[in-house]
PDB file of all heavy atoms in Angstrom:
ATOM      1  N   GLY A   1      12.030 -15.751 127.339  1.00  0.00           N
ATOM      2  CA  GLY A   1      13.184 -15.918 126.465  1.00  0.00           C
ATOM      3  C   GLY A   1      12.861 -16.663 125.177  1.00  0.00           C
ATOM      4  O   GLY A   1      13.257 -16.251 124.076  1.00  0.00           O
ATOM      5  N   THR A   2      12.130 -17.757 125.284  1.00  0.00           N
ATOM      6  CA  THR A   2      11.759 -18.543 124.110  1.00  0.00           C
ATOM      7  C   THR A   2      10.878 -17.750 123.158  1.00  0.00           C
ATOM      8  O   THR A   2      11.107 -17.742 121.948  1.00  0.00           O
ATOM      9  CB  THR A   2      11.040 -19.846 124.533  1.00  0.00           C
ATOM     10  OG1 THR A   2      11.859 -20.539 125.470  1.00  0.00           O
ATOM     11  CG2 THR A   2      10.747 -20.713 123.345  1.00  0.00           C
ATOM     12  N   ALA A   3       9.903 -17.052 123.720  1.00  0.00           N
ATOM     13  CA  ALA A   3       8.995 -16.257 122.890  1.00  0.00           C
ATOM     14  C   ALA A   3       9.742 -15.098 122.228  1.00  0.00           C
ATOM     15  O   ALA A   3       9.531 -14.791 121.042  1.00  0.00           O
ATOM     16  CB  ALA A   3       7.841 -15.722 123.740  1.00  0.00           C
ATOM     17  N   ALA A   4      10.635 -14.433 122.967  1.00  0.00           N
ATOM     18  CA  ALA A   4      11.385 -13.313 122.415  1.00  0.00           C
ATOM     19  C   ALA A   4      12.296 -13.792 121.300  1.00  0.00           C
ATOM     20  O   ALA A   4      12.429 -13.127 120.262  1.00  0.00           O
ATOM     21  CB  ALA A   4      12.203 -12.637 123.514  1.00  0.00           C
ATOM     22  N   LEU A   5      12.927 -14.931 121.490  1.00  0.00           N
ATOM     23  CA  LEU A   5      13.818 -15.482 120.461  1.00  0.00           C
ATOM     24  C   LEU A   5      13.037 -15.847 119.195  1.00  0.00           C
ATOM     25  O   LEU A   5      13.450 -15.518 118.077  1.00  0.00           O
ATOM     26  CB  LEU A   5      14.561 -16.695 120.994  1.00  0.00           C
ATOM     27  CG  LEU A   5      15.712 -17.211 120.203  1.00  0.00           C
ATOM     28  CD1 LEU A   5      16.770 -16.137 119.996  1.00  0.00           C
ATOM     29  CD2 LEU A   5      16.332 -18.422 120.864  1.00  0.00           C
ATOM     30  N   ALA A   6      11.865 -16.483 119.369  1.00  0.00           N
ATOM     31  CA  ALA A   6      11.041 -16.844 118.210  1.00  0.00           C
ATOM     32  C   ALA A   6      10.553 -15.617 117.458  1.00  0.00           C
ATOM     33  O   ALA A   6      10.590 -15.569 116.224  1.00  0.00           O
ATOM     34  CB  ALA A   6       9.871 -17.703 118.652  1.00  0.00           C
ATOM     35  N   ALA A   7      10.111 -14.615 118.199  1.00  0.00           N
ATOM     36  CA  ALA A   7       9.616 -13.386 117.565  1.00  0.00           C
ATOM     37  C   ALA A   7      10.743 -12.676 116.809  1.00  0.00           C
ATOM     38  O   ALA A   7      10.567 -12.187 115.696  1.00  0.00           O
ATOM     39  CB  ALA A   7       9.020 -12.442 118.604  1.00  0.00           C
ATOM     40  N   THR A   8      11.935 -12.655 117.400  1.00  0.00           N
ATOM     41  CA  THR A   8      13.082 -11.996 116.744  1.00  0.00           C
ATOM     42  C   THR A   8      13.507 -12.749 115.508  1.00  0.00           C
ATOM     43  O   THR A   8      13.849 -12.137 114.483  1.00  0.00           O
ATOM     44  CB  THR A   8      14.251 -11.854 117.741  1.00  0.00           C
ATOM     45  OG1 THR A   8      13.793 -11.092 118.857  1.00  0.00           O
ATOM     46  CG2 THR A   8      15.428 -11.166 117.083  1.00  0.00           C
ATOM     47  N   VAL A   9      13.501 -14.092 115.561  1.00  0.00           N
ATOM     48  CA  VAL A   9      13.859 -14.872 114.373  1.00  0.00           C
ATOM     49  C   VAL A   9      12.894 -14.573 113.251  1.00  0.00           C
ATOM     50  O   VAL A   9      13.304 -14.400 112.085  1.00  0.00           O
ATOM     51  CB  VAL A   9      13.901 -16.381 114.695  1.00  0.00           C
ATOM     52  CG1 VAL A   9      13.949 -17.223 113.435  1.00  0.00           C
ATOM     53  CG2 VAL A   9      15.090 -16.710 115.586  1.00  0.00           C
ATOM     54  N   ALA A  10      11.611 -14.451 113.563  1.00  0.00           N
ATOM     55  CA  ALA A  10      10.609 -14.130 112.530  1.00  0.00           C
ATOM     56  C   ALA A  10      10.887 -12.738 111.929  1.00  0.00           C
ATOM     57  O   ALA A  10      10.833 -12.553 110.713  1.00  0.00           O
ATOM     58  CB  ALA A  10       9.206 -14.176 113.111  1.00  0.00           C
ATOM     59  N   LEU A  11      11.216 -11.773 112.783  1.00  0.00           N
ATOM     60  CA  LEU A  11      11.521 -10.424 112.296  1.00  0.00           C
ATOM     61  C   LEU A  11      12.808 -10.404 111.474  1.00  0.00           C
ATOM     62  O   LEU A  11      12.873  -9.740 110.432  1.00  0.00           O
ATOM     63  CB  LEU A  11      11.672  -9.450 113.481  1.00  0.00           C
ATOM     64  CG  LEU A  11      10.387  -9.019 114.153  1.00  0.00           C
ATOM     65  CD1 LEU A  11      10.682  -8.296 115.452  1.00  0.00           C
ATOM     66  CD2 LEU A  11       9.558  -8.159 113.222  1.00  0.00           C
ATOM     67  N   VAL A  12      13.811 -11.147 111.903  1.00  0.00           N
ATOM     68  CA  VAL A  12      15.081 -11.197 111.178  1.00  0.00           C
ATOM     69  C   VAL A  12      14.885 -11.803 109.792  1.00  0.00           C
ATOM     70  O   VAL A  12      15.431 -11.304 108.800  1.00  0.00           O
ATOM     71  CB  VAL A  12      16.162 -11.956 111.984  1.00  0.00           C
ATOM     72  CG1 VAL A  12      17.367 -12.303 111.121  1.00  0.00           C
ATOM     73  CG2 VAL A  12      16.594 -11.120 113.181  1.00  0.00           C
ATOM     74  N   VAL A  13      14.107 -12.865 109.721  1.00  0.00           N
ATOM     75  CA  VAL A  13      13.823 -13.477 108.410  1.00  0.00           C
ATOM     76  C   VAL A  13      13.050 -12.487 107.545  1.00  0.00           C
ATOM     77  O   VAL A  13      13.357 -12.329 106.351  1.00  0.00           O
ATOM     78  CB  VAL A  13      13.029 -14.801 108.577  1.00  0.00           C
ATOM     79  CG1 VAL A  13      12.494 -15.297 107.248  1.00  0.00           C
ATOM     80  CG2 VAL A  13      13.914 -15.840 109.239  1.00  0.00           C
ATOM     81  N   GLY A  14      12.087 -11.809 108.119  1.00  0.00           N
ATOM     82  CA  GLY A  14      11.303 -10.824 107.358  1.00  0.00           C
ATOM     83  C   GLY A  14      12.171  -9.690 106.831  1.00  0.00           C
ATOM     84  O   GLY A  14      12.070  -9.307 105.675  1.00  0.00           O
ATOM     85  N   PHE A  15      13.020  -9.143 107.697  1.00  0.00           N
ATOM     86  CA  PHE A  15      13.900  -8.063 107.243  1.00  0.00           C
ATOM     87  C   PHE A  15      15.008  -8.603 106.333  1.00  0.00           C
ATOM     88  O   PHE A  15      15.472  -7.906 105.444  1.00  0.00           O
ATOM     89  CB  PHE A  15      14.536  -7.336 108.433  1.00  0.00           C
ATOM     90  CG  PHE A  15      13.610  -6.349 109.081  1.00  0.00           C
ATOM     91  CD1 PHE A  15      13.201  -6.531 110.386  1.00  0.00           C
ATOM     92  CD2 PHE A  15      13.157  -5.237 108.399  1.00  0.00           C
ATOM     93  CE1 PHE A  15      12.340  -5.614 111.002  1.00  0.00           C
ATOM     94  CE2 PHE A  15      12.308  -4.316 108.993  1.00  0.00           C
ATOM     95  CZ  PHE A  15      11.902  -4.511 110.293  1.00  0.00           C
ATOM     96  N   GLY A  16      15.420  -9.837 106.548  1.00  0.00           N
ATOM     97  CA  GLY A  16      16.448 -10.451 105.712  1.00  0.00           C
ATOM     98  C   GLY A  16      16.025 -10.588 104.273  1.00  0.00           C
ATOM     99  O   GLY A  16      16.846 -10.543 103.352  1.00  0.00           O
ATOM    100  N   VAL A  17      14.732 -10.758 104.045  1.00  0.00           N
ATOM    101  CA  VAL A  17      14.212 -10.862 102.685  1.00  0.00           C
ATOM    102  C   VAL A  17      14.523  -9.604 101.886  1.00  0.00           C
ATOM    103  O   VAL A  17      14.714  -9.643 100.658  1.00  0.00           O
ATOM    104  CB  VAL A  17      12.692 -11.144 102.707  1.00  0.00           C
ATOM    105  CG1 VAL A  17      12.058 -11.003 101.350  1.00  0.00           C
ATOM    106  CG2 VAL A  17      12.417 -12.524 103.262  1.00  0.00           C
ATOM    107  N   LEU A  18      14.612  -8.471 102.579  1.00  0.00           N
ATOM    108  CA  LEU A  18      14.913  -7.217 101.898  1.00  0.00           C
ATOM    109  C   LEU A  18      16.316  -7.219 101.265  1.00  0.00           C
ATOM    110  O   LEU A  18      16.593  -6.410 100.388  1.00  0.00           O
ATOM    111  CB  LEU A  18      14.793  -6.038 102.856  1.00  0.00           C
ATOM    112  CG  LEU A  18      13.390  -5.765 103.405  1.00  0.00           C
ATOM    113  CD1 LEU A  18      13.416  -4.636 104.413  1.00  0.00           C
ATOM    114  CD2 LEU A  18      12.425  -5.470 102.282  1.00  0.00           C
ATOM    115  N   ALA A  19      17.174  -8.123 101.700  1.00  0.00           N
ATOM    116  CA  ALA A  19      18.504  -8.224 101.122  1.00  0.00           C
ATOM    117  C   ALA A  19      18.468  -8.651  99.657  1.00  0.00           C
ATOM    118  O   ALA A  19      19.442  -8.470  98.926  1.00  0.00           O
ATOM    119  CB  ALA A  19      19.376  -9.196 101.933  1.00  0.00           C
ATOM    120  N   THR A  20      17.358  -9.206  99.208  1.00  0.00           N
ATOM    121  CA  THR A  20      17.236  -9.623  97.819  1.00  0.00           C
ATOM    122  C   THR A  20      16.724  -8.514  96.907  1.00  0.00           C
ATOM    123  O   THR A  20      16.594  -8.712  95.702  1.00  0.00           O
ATOM    124  CB  THR A  20      16.284 -10.837  97.691  1.00  0.00           C
ATOM    125  OG1 THR A  20      14.979 -10.449  98.136  1.00  0.00           O
ATOM    126  CG2 THR A  20      16.785 -12.005  98.541  1.00  0.00           C
ATOM    127  N   SER A  21      16.432  -7.346  97.499  1.00  0.00           N
ATOM    128  CA  SER A  21      15.918  -6.237  96.718  1.00  0.00           C
ATOM    129  C   SER A  21      16.974  -5.683  95.770  1.00  0.00           C
ATOM    130  O   SER A  21      18.166  -5.870  95.948  1.00  0.00           O
ATOM    131  CB  SER A  21      15.466  -5.108  97.667  1.00  0.00           C
ATOM    132  OG  SER A  21      15.081  -3.969  96.954  1.00  0.00           O
ATOM    133  N   GLN A  22      16.517  -4.981  94.739  1.00  0.00           N
ATOM    134  CA  GLN A  22      17.443  -4.316  93.844  1.00  0.00           C
ATOM    135  C   GLN A  22      17.603  -2.823  94.220  1.00  0.00           C
ATOM    136  O   GLN A  22      18.425  -2.129  93.648  1.00  0.00           O
ATOM    137  CB  GLN A  22      16.969  -4.439  92.391  1.00  0.00           C
ATOM    138  CG  GLN A  22      17.025  -5.864  91.907  1.00  0.00           C
ATOM    139  CD  GLN A  22      16.574  -5.989  90.469  1.00  0.00           C
ATOM    140  OE1 GLN A  22      16.187  -5.016  89.824  1.00  0.00           O
ATOM    141  NE2 GLN A  22      16.624  -7.204  89.952  1.00  0.00           N
ATOM    142  N   PHE A  23      16.822  -2.383  95.191  1.00  0.00           N
ATOM    143  CA  PHE A  23      16.887  -1.011  95.667  1.00  0.00           C
ATOM    144  C   PHE A  23      17.849  -0.976  96.850  1.00  0.00           C
ATOM    145  O   PHE A  23      17.565  -1.521  97.931  1.00  0.00           O
ATOM    146  CB  PHE A  23      15.481  -0.524  96.061  1.00  0.00           C
ATOM    147  CG  PHE A  23      15.388   0.926  96.423  1.00  0.00           C
ATOM    148  CD1 PHE A  23      15.870   1.917  95.567  1.00  0.00           C
ATOM    149  CD2 PHE A  23      14.822   1.307  97.607  1.00  0.00           C
ATOM    150  CE1 PHE A  23      15.781   3.255  95.914  1.00  0.00           C
ATOM    151  CE2 PHE A  23      14.708   2.640  97.969  1.00  0.00           C
ATOM    152  CZ  PHE A  23      15.198   3.628  97.107  1.00  0.00           C
ATOM    153  N   VAL A  24      19.011  -0.365  96.690  1.00  0.00           N
ATOM    154  CA  VAL A  24      20.106  -0.421  97.660  1.00  0.00           C
ATOM    155  C   VAL A  24      19.690   0.029  99.062  1.00  0.00           C
ATOM    156  O   VAL A  24      20.038  -0.641 100.047  1.00  0.00           O
ATOM    157  CB  VAL A  24      21.336   0.352  97.139  1.00  0.00           C
ATOM    158  CG1 VAL A  24      22.426   0.421  98.197  1.00  0.00           C
ATOM    159  CG2 VAL A  24      21.865  -0.314  95.877  1.00  0.00           C
TER     160      VAL A  24
END
């Protein structure tokens, strides 16, 4: 559970960065 949560948080942050893109 701890490892899955940490890995998902890293992925969410990585994908969340795409929200700053100018390409819709």
